[in-house]
Every structure is written in structure tokens, then in C-alpha cells.
Amino acid sequence: ANSASGMAVKDDCKLKFMELKSKRNYRFIVFKIDESILQVTVEKLGNPEETYDDFTQSLPANECRYAVYDFDFTTDENVQKSKIVFIAWSPETSRVRSKMLYASTKDRFKRELDGIQLELQATDPSEMSMDI
């Protein structure tokens, strides 16, 4: 665990992320900090057929979360691509202590997930809309 945040990352988090990255078993993963054991844990796994709306609806309206989303898109040259997007979800209505905990743990947690290509910080759904 990082001495700055004292937060451990369960191996399960890295394992599921590697499966999303290499096998594409999941469309998204929502991670939660379990404050009772000070560990980042997997809260929800999105099936490959789930949509971006399914993903955004799985984020609680007033609690922080981390998430990764496997974003498929087509370039202007008509090439199919995908990028793994890391989202730090921190709604304005969440508890201050929770926001601080997620903020102080984010960089360390992100380093554990090798292969993130884009990062978003969102405080409300509009900040992570499809256009962005």
C-alpha cells in the first residue's frame, strides 16, 4: 500500500482490468473504495454487450467511484479502434471525506492499471458524455 494514501488495491482489480484489456470480457468495470478495509475493490462488471448508458447508470449519483470503460469508436478514416478510458467519478454531492480519499488514491490506483489511454475527471454526467 502507498504510505501517502494507505490504500491497498485488491489483486482482483488488476486481474479484471487485464481481462477487459486483453480478452475484452467486460465493457466496463466500476471500482469502489471499501472504507472499512481501506482497499479498492471491484463493485460492478459490465458485460461486453452493455452500453455507455448502462455504464453511466451504474455510477451512484452521490458517491465517488473509479471506473474504466472500453470505448469502441470509428476514426475519420473509417478505422475501428478502441481506447480504455479511466474515469474518476466524484459528484459534487458526495461526502468531502470520500472526495478526498478518492482524490488522494487516484494516481496510485491508476498506475496499477497498465493500459489506460485516456483519463476523465467527472463531477456530473455531462462531463463524461459521449461527445467528450
N, C-alpha and C. Protein backbone atom coordinates (compact mmCIF):
# COMPACT_ATOMS: atom_id res chain seq x y z
N ALA A 1 0.84 -1.20 0.00
CA ALA A 1 0.00 0.00 0.00
C ALA A 1 0.87 1.24 0.00
N ASN A 2 0.35 2.27 -0.59
CA ASN A 2 1.04 3.55 -0.66
C ASN A 2 0.96 4.24 0.69
N SER A 3 2.09 4.69 1.20
CA SER A 3 2.08 5.31 2.52
C SER A 3 1.30 6.62 2.51
N ALA A 4 1.27 7.31 1.40
CA ALA A 4 0.55 8.58 1.33
C ALA A 4 -0.94 8.38 1.53
N SER A 5 -1.51 7.38 0.88
CA SER A 5 -2.95 7.19 0.99
C SER A 5 -3.30 6.01 1.88
N GLY A 6 -2.32 5.14 2.13
CA GLY A 6 -2.59 3.96 2.94
C GLY A 6 -3.57 3.00 2.29
N MET A 7 -3.75 3.13 0.99
CA MET A 7 -4.78 2.36 0.30
C MET A 7 -4.17 1.17 -0.43
N ALA A 8 -4.76 0.02 -0.24
CA ALA A 8 -4.33 -1.17 -0.96
C ALA A 8 -5.27 -1.40 -2.14
N VAL A 9 -4.75 -2.04 -3.16
CA VAL A 9 -5.57 -2.38 -4.32
C VAL A 9 -5.68 -3.89 -4.37
N LYS A 10 -6.89 -4.39 -4.30
CA LYS A 10 -7.07 -5.84 -4.35
C LYS A 10 -6.59 -6.37 -5.70
N ASP A 11 -5.96 -7.55 -5.66
CA ASP A 11 -5.46 -8.17 -6.90
C ASP A 11 -6.58 -8.36 -7.91
N ASP A 12 -7.77 -8.59 -7.41
CA ASP A 12 -8.95 -8.77 -8.25
C ASP A 12 -9.13 -7.59 -9.21
N CYS A 13 -8.85 -6.38 -8.72
CA CYS A 13 -8.99 -5.18 -9.56
C CYS A 13 -8.08 -5.27 -10.77
N LYS A 14 -6.82 -5.62 -10.53
CA LYS A 14 -5.85 -5.71 -11.62
C LYS A 14 -6.21 -6.86 -12.56
N LEU A 15 -6.64 -7.96 -11.97
CA LEU A 15 -6.99 -9.15 -12.75
C LEU A 15 -8.14 -8.85 -13.72
N LYS A 16 -9.22 -8.24 -13.19
CA LYS A 16 -10.38 -7.93 -14.03
C LYS A 16 -10.01 -6.90 -15.09
N PHE A 17 -9.15 -5.93 -14.72
CA PHE A 17 -8.71 -4.94 -15.70
C PHE A 17 -7.94 -5.61 -16.83
N MET A 18 -7.05 -6.54 -16.50
CA MET A 18 -6.28 -7.25 -17.53
C MET A 18 -7.21 -8.04 -18.45
N GLU A 19 -8.27 -8.62 -17.88
CA GLU A 19 -9.24 -9.36 -18.70
C GLU A 19 -9.98 -8.41 -19.64
N LEU A 20 -10.33 -7.23 -19.14
CA LEU A 20 -11.00 -6.24 -20.00
C LEU A 20 -10.04 -5.85 -21.13
N LYS A 21 -8.78 -5.61 -20.78
CA LYS A 21 -7.81 -5.12 -21.75
C LYS A 21 -7.45 -6.19 -22.80
N SER A 22 -7.16 -7.40 -22.35
CA SER A 22 -6.66 -8.40 -23.30
C SER A 22 -7.75 -9.28 -23.90
N LYS A 23 -8.73 -9.67 -23.10
CA LYS A 23 -9.76 -10.59 -23.60
C LYS A 23 -11.05 -9.89 -23.95
N ARG A 24 -11.18 -8.64 -23.51
CA ARG A 24 -12.41 -7.87 -23.74
C ARG A 24 -13.63 -8.59 -23.18
N ASN A 25 -13.46 -9.18 -21.99
CA ASN A 25 -14.56 -9.87 -21.30
C ASN A 25 -15.61 -8.91 -20.79
N TYR A 26 -15.22 -7.66 -20.57
CA TYR A 26 -16.12 -6.68 -19.97
C TYR A 26 -16.13 -5.41 -20.81
N ARG A 27 -17.25 -4.69 -20.76
CA ARG A 27 -17.34 -3.37 -21.39
C ARG A 27 -16.79 -2.32 -20.42
N PHE A 28 -17.09 -2.51 -19.13
CA PHE A 28 -16.61 -1.55 -18.13
C PHE A 28 -16.47 -2.23 -16.77
N ILE A 29 -15.73 -1.57 -15.90
CA ILE A 29 -15.58 -2.02 -14.52
C ILE A 29 -15.73 -0.80 -13.63
N VAL A 30 -16.56 -0.94 -12.59
CA VAL A 30 -16.70 0.13 -11.60
C VAL A 30 -15.98 -0.32 -10.34
N PHE A 31 -15.10 0.54 -9.84
CA PHE A 31 -14.33 0.23 -8.63
C PHE A 31 -14.79 1.12 -7.49
N LYS A 32 -14.76 0.56 -6.29
CA LYS A 32 -15.21 1.29 -5.10
C LYS A 32 -14.13 1.17 -4.02
N ILE A 33 -13.94 2.25 -3.27
CA ILE A 33 -13.05 2.15 -2.12
C ILE A 33 -13.88 1.66 -0.95
N ASP A 34 -13.51 0.51 -0.42
CA ASP A 34 -14.17 -0.01 0.78
C ASP A 34 -13.49 0.65 1.97
N GLU A 35 -14.17 1.63 2.54
CA GLU A 35 -13.55 2.42 3.60
C GLU A 35 -13.31 1.62 4.87
N SER A 36 -14.03 0.52 5.07
CA SER A 36 -13.84 -0.26 6.29
C SER A 36 -12.50 -1.01 6.26
N ILE A 37 -12.05 -1.41 5.08
CA ILE A 37 -10.77 -2.12 4.99
C ILE A 37 -9.73 -1.32 4.21
N LEU A 38 -10.09 -0.11 3.81
CA LEU A 38 -9.19 0.76 3.03
C LEU A 38 -8.56 0.03 1.86
N GLN A 39 -9.44 -0.53 1.04
CA GLN A 39 -8.98 -1.20 -0.18
C GLN A 39 -9.89 -0.83 -1.34
N VAL A 40 -9.29 -0.76 -2.53
CA VAL A 40 -10.08 -0.56 -3.73
C VAL A 40 -10.58 -1.94 -4.17
N THR A 41 -11.88 -2.06 -4.37
CA THR A 41 -12.46 -3.34 -4.75
C THR A 41 -13.29 -3.18 -6.03
N VAL A 42 -13.61 -4.31 -6.67
CA VAL A 42 -14.46 -4.30 -7.86
C VAL A 42 -15.91 -4.26 -7.39
N GLU A 43 -16.65 -3.26 -7.86
CA GLU A 43 -18.06 -3.17 -7.47
C GLU A 43 -18.98 -3.77 -8.53
N LYS A 44 -18.67 -3.50 -9.81
CA LYS A 44 -19.56 -3.98 -10.89
C LYS A 44 -18.75 -4.25 -12.15
N LEU A 45 -19.11 -5.34 -12.81
CA LEU A 45 -18.51 -5.68 -14.10
C LEU A 45 -19.60 -5.56 -15.16
N GLY A 46 -19.33 -4.79 -16.21
CA GLY A 46 -20.31 -4.64 -17.28
C GLY A 46 -20.04 -5.64 -18.40
N ASN A 47 -21.07 -6.35 -18.80
CA ASN A 47 -20.94 -7.31 -19.91
C ASN A 47 -20.57 -6.61 -21.20
N PRO A 48 -19.89 -7.32 -22.12
CA PRO A 48 -19.47 -6.68 -23.38
C PRO A 48 -20.60 -6.04 -24.16
N GLU A 49 -21.84 -6.58 -24.04
CA GLU A 49 -22.95 -6.02 -24.82
C GLU A 49 -23.62 -4.83 -24.13
N GLU A 50 -23.19 -4.48 -22.92
CA GLU A 50 -23.79 -3.34 -22.25
C GLU A 50 -23.35 -2.03 -22.92
N THR A 51 -24.20 -1.01 -22.79
CA THR A 51 -23.96 0.26 -23.48
C THR A 51 -23.33 1.29 -22.55
N TYR A 52 -22.98 2.42 -23.13
CA TYR A 52 -22.42 3.51 -22.34
C TYR A 52 -23.46 4.02 -21.34
N ASP A 53 -24.74 3.99 -21.73
CA ASP A 53 -25.81 4.40 -20.81
C ASP A 53 -25.88 3.45 -19.61
N ASP A 54 -25.76 2.15 -19.88
CA ASP A 54 -25.74 1.17 -18.78
C ASP A 54 -24.60 1.51 -17.82
N PHE A 55 -23.48 1.86 -18.41
CA PHE A 55 -22.31 2.21 -17.61
C PHE A 55 -22.57 3.44 -16.74
N THR A 56 -23.04 4.54 -17.36
CA THR A 56 -23.22 5.76 -16.58
C THR A 56 -24.30 5.57 -15.51
N GLN A 57 -25.29 4.72 -15.79
CA GLN A 57 -26.33 4.47 -14.79
C GLN A 57 -25.83 3.63 -13.62
N SER A 58 -24.70 2.95 -13.81
CA SER A 58 -24.19 2.14 -12.70
C SER A 58 -23.31 2.95 -11.75
N LEU A 59 -23.10 4.23 -12.07
CA LEU A 59 -22.36 5.11 -11.16
C LEU A 59 -23.35 5.77 -10.21
N PRO A 60 -23.11 5.67 -8.89
CA PRO A 60 -24.06 6.26 -7.94
C PRO A 60 -24.11 7.78 -8.05
N ALA A 61 -25.28 8.35 -7.84
CA ALA A 61 -25.47 9.79 -8.03
C ALA A 61 -24.72 10.64 -7.01
N ASN A 62 -24.50 10.11 -5.81
CA ASN A 62 -23.82 10.94 -4.83
C ASN A 62 -22.73 10.21 -4.05
N GLU A 63 -22.06 9.30 -4.74
CA GLU A 63 -20.89 8.64 -4.16
C GLU A 63 -19.79 8.58 -5.21
N CYS A 64 -18.54 8.70 -4.75
CA CYS A 64 -17.40 8.64 -5.67
C CYS A 64 -17.14 7.20 -6.11
N ARG A 65 -16.57 7.07 -7.29
CA ARG A 65 -16.13 5.77 -7.80
C ARG A 65 -14.99 6.00 -8.78
N TYR A 66 -14.25 4.91 -9.06
CA TYR A 66 -13.35 4.89 -10.20
C TYR A 66 -14.00 3.95 -11.20
N ALA A 67 -13.71 4.16 -12.46
CA ALA A 67 -14.25 3.23 -13.46
C ALA A 67 -13.32 3.20 -14.66
N VAL A 68 -13.35 2.09 -15.37
CA VAL A 68 -12.70 2.01 -16.68
C VAL A 68 -13.76 1.58 -17.67
N TYR A 69 -13.68 2.16 -18.85
CA TYR A 69 -14.65 1.87 -19.90
C TYR A 69 -13.88 1.58 -21.18
N ASP A 70 -14.24 0.47 -21.82
CA ASP A 70 -13.62 0.10 -23.10
C ASP A 70 -14.44 0.75 -24.21
N PHE A 71 -13.92 1.85 -24.72
CA PHE A 71 -14.65 2.70 -25.65
C PHE A 71 -14.31 2.36 -27.10
N ASP A 72 -15.27 1.81 -27.83
CA ASP A 72 -15.09 1.50 -29.25
C ASP A 72 -15.54 2.69 -30.08
N PHE A 73 -14.78 3.01 -31.10
CA PHE A 73 -15.17 4.13 -31.97
C PHE A 73 -14.57 3.93 -33.35
N THR A 74 -15.06 4.73 -34.29
CA THR A 74 -14.57 4.69 -35.66
C THR A 74 -13.91 6.03 -35.97
N THR A 75 -12.69 5.99 -36.48
CA THR A 75 -11.96 7.22 -36.79
C THR A 75 -12.53 7.87 -38.06
N ASP A 76 -12.06 9.08 -38.35
CA ASP A 76 -12.49 9.77 -39.56
C ASP A 76 -12.10 8.98 -40.81
N GLU A 77 -11.05 8.15 -40.68
CA GLU A 77 -10.61 7.32 -41.82
C GLU A 77 -11.38 6.00 -41.86
N ASN A 78 -12.44 5.92 -41.05
CA ASN A 78 -13.29 4.73 -41.00
C ASN A 78 -12.56 3.49 -40.46
N VAL A 79 -11.69 3.68 -39.48
CA VAL A 79 -10.96 2.57 -38.87
C VAL A 79 -11.57 2.31 -37.48
N GLN A 80 -11.87 1.04 -37.21
CA GLN A 80 -12.41 0.66 -35.89
C GLN A 80 -11.28 0.70 -34.86
N LYS A 81 -11.49 1.41 -33.77
CA LYS A 81 -10.49 1.48 -32.71
C LYS A 81 -11.17 1.36 -31.38
N SER A 82 -10.35 1.16 -30.35
CA SER A 82 -10.91 1.18 -29.00
C SER A 82 -9.86 1.78 -28.07
N LYS A 83 -10.33 2.50 -27.08
CA LYS A 83 -9.45 3.07 -26.08
C LYS A 83 -10.01 2.74 -24.71
N ILE A 84 -9.12 2.50 -23.76
CA ILE A 84 -9.56 2.25 -22.40
C ILE A 84 -9.52 3.58 -21.66
N VAL A 85 -10.69 4.00 -21.20
CA VAL A 85 -10.83 5.29 -20.55
C VAL A 85 -10.97 5.07 -19.04
N PHE A 86 -10.17 5.80 -18.28
CA PHE A 86 -10.27 5.78 -16.82
C PHE A 86 -11.09 6.99 -16.40
N ILE A 87 -12.10 6.76 -15.57
CA ILE A 87 -12.96 7.86 -15.12
C ILE A 87 -12.93 7.94 -13.60
N ALA A 88 -12.57 9.12 -13.12
CA ALA A 88 -12.65 9.38 -11.69
C ALA A 88 -13.97 10.11 -11.46
N TRP A 89 -14.93 9.40 -10.91
CA TRP A 89 -16.28 9.92 -10.71
C TRP A 89 -16.37 10.50 -9.30
N SER A 90 -16.60 11.80 -9.23
CA SER A 90 -16.63 12.47 -7.93
C SER A 90 -17.73 13.52 -7.93
N PRO A 91 -18.99 13.09 -7.75
CA PRO A 91 -20.10 14.04 -7.82
C PRO A 91 -20.02 15.09 -6.71
N GLU A 92 -20.49 16.30 -7.04
CA GLU A 92 -20.48 17.41 -6.08
C GLU A 92 -21.16 17.03 -4.77
N THR A 93 -22.18 16.16 -4.86
CA THR A 93 -23.00 15.83 -3.69
C THR A 93 -22.37 14.75 -2.80
N SER A 94 -21.23 14.19 -3.20
CA SER A 94 -20.63 13.16 -2.35
C SER A 94 -19.95 13.79 -1.14
N ARG A 95 -19.70 12.96 -0.13
CA ARG A 95 -19.09 13.44 1.11
C ARG A 95 -17.68 13.98 0.85
N VAL A 96 -17.31 15.03 1.56
CA VAL A 96 -16.00 15.64 1.40
C VAL A 96 -14.89 14.61 1.69
N ARG A 97 -15.06 13.85 2.76
CA ARG A 97 -14.04 12.86 3.12
C ARG A 97 -13.86 11.85 1.98
N SER A 98 -14.96 11.45 1.41
CA SER A 98 -14.92 10.49 0.30
C SER A 98 -14.19 11.08 -0.91
N LYS A 99 -14.52 12.34 -1.24
CA LYS A 99 -13.85 13.00 -2.37
C LYS A 99 -12.34 13.07 -2.14
N MET A 100 -11.95 13.39 -0.89
CA MET A 100 -10.53 13.49 -0.59
C MET A 100 -9.85 12.14 -0.69
N LEU A 101 -10.52 11.10 -0.20
CA LEU A 101 -9.98 9.75 -0.24
C LEU A 101 -9.77 9.30 -1.69
N TYR A 102 -10.77 9.51 -2.52
CA TYR A 102 -10.66 9.12 -3.93
C TYR A 102 -9.59 9.94 -4.64
N ALA A 103 -9.52 11.24 -4.35
CA ALA A 103 -8.53 12.10 -5.00
C ALA A 103 -7.11 11.68 -4.61
N SER A 104 -6.91 11.36 -3.34
CA SER A 104 -5.55 11.04 -2.89
C SER A 104 -5.10 9.65 -3.33
N THR A 105 -6.04 8.80 -3.69
CA THR A 105 -5.72 7.43 -4.08
C THR A 105 -5.64 7.25 -5.59
N LYS A 106 -6.21 8.19 -6.33
CA LYS A 106 -6.40 8.02 -7.78
C LYS A 106 -5.11 7.69 -8.54
N ASP A 107 -4.06 8.49 -8.34
CA ASP A 107 -2.85 8.27 -9.15
C ASP A 107 -2.22 6.92 -8.89
N ARG A 108 -2.19 6.52 -7.62
CA ARG A 108 -1.62 5.21 -7.31
C ARG A 108 -2.47 4.10 -7.92
N PHE A 109 -3.77 4.22 -7.78
CA PHE A 109 -4.65 3.19 -8.33
C PHE A 109 -4.50 3.10 -9.84
N LYS A 110 -4.47 4.27 -10.48
CA LYS A 110 -4.34 4.31 -11.94
C LYS A 110 -3.05 3.64 -12.41
N ARG A 111 -1.98 3.83 -11.65
CA ARG A 111 -0.69 3.20 -12.00
C ARG A 111 -0.78 1.69 -11.98
N GLU A 112 -1.65 1.15 -11.13
CA GLU A 112 -1.81 -0.31 -11.04
C GLU A 112 -2.45 -0.88 -12.31
N LEU A 113 -3.20 -0.05 -13.01
CA LEU A 113 -3.93 -0.49 -14.20
C LEU A 113 -3.12 -0.09 -15.43
N ASP A 114 -2.33 -1.01 -15.91
CA ASP A 114 -1.45 -0.71 -17.03
C ASP A 114 -2.20 -0.82 -18.34
N GLY A 115 -2.32 0.29 -19.07
CA GLY A 115 -3.00 0.24 -20.36
C GLY A 115 -4.10 1.28 -20.51
N ILE A 116 -4.20 2.17 -19.54
CA ILE A 116 -5.19 3.24 -19.65
C ILE A 116 -4.72 4.26 -20.68
N GLN A 117 -5.60 4.65 -21.61
CA GLN A 117 -5.19 5.55 -22.69
C GLN A 117 -5.76 6.94 -22.56
N LEU A 118 -6.74 7.11 -21.70
CA LEU A 118 -7.40 8.40 -21.57
C LEU A 118 -7.94 8.50 -20.16
N GLU A 119 -7.94 9.72 -19.61
CA GLU A 119 -8.47 9.88 -18.26
C GLU A 119 -9.46 11.03 -18.24
N LEU A 120 -10.58 10.81 -17.55
CA LEU A 120 -11.58 11.85 -17.36
C LEU A 120 -11.83 12.03 -15.87
N GLN A 121 -12.03 13.25 -15.48
CA GLN A 121 -12.46 13.57 -14.11
C GLN A 121 -13.87 14.10 -14.27
N ALA A 122 -14.85 13.48 -13.63
CA ALA A 122 -16.23 13.91 -13.82
C ALA A 122 -16.93 14.14 -12.49
N THR A 123 -17.65 15.27 -12.41
CA THR A 123 -18.44 15.56 -11.20
C THR A 123 -19.93 15.45 -11.50
N ASP A 124 -20.28 15.43 -12.77
CA ASP A 124 -21.67 15.16 -13.15
C ASP A 124 -21.68 14.50 -14.53
N PRO A 125 -22.77 13.81 -14.88
CA PRO A 125 -22.81 13.03 -16.12
C PRO A 125 -22.42 13.80 -17.39
N SER A 126 -22.69 15.11 -17.41
CA SER A 126 -22.38 15.89 -18.63
C SER A 126 -20.88 15.94 -18.89
N GLU A 127 -20.07 15.79 -17.85
CA GLU A 127 -18.62 15.87 -18.00
C GLU A 127 -18.02 14.58 -18.55
N MET A 128 -18.87 13.57 -18.76
CA MET A 128 -18.36 12.34 -19.37
C MET A 128 -19.34 11.86 -20.44
N SER A 129 -19.97 12.83 -21.11
CA SER A 129 -20.90 12.48 -22.18
C SER A 129 -20.13 11.89 -23.35
N MET A 130 -20.82 11.22 -24.23
CA MET A 130 -20.19 10.56 -25.38
C MET A 130 -19.34 11.51 -26.22
N ASP A 131 -19.79 12.76 -26.40
CA ASP A 131 -19.04 13.70 -27.25
C ASP A 131 -17.66 13.96 -26.66
N ILE A 132 -17.57 13.99 -25.35
CA ILE A 132 -16.28 14.26 -24.70
C ILE A 132 -15.38 13.07 -24.89
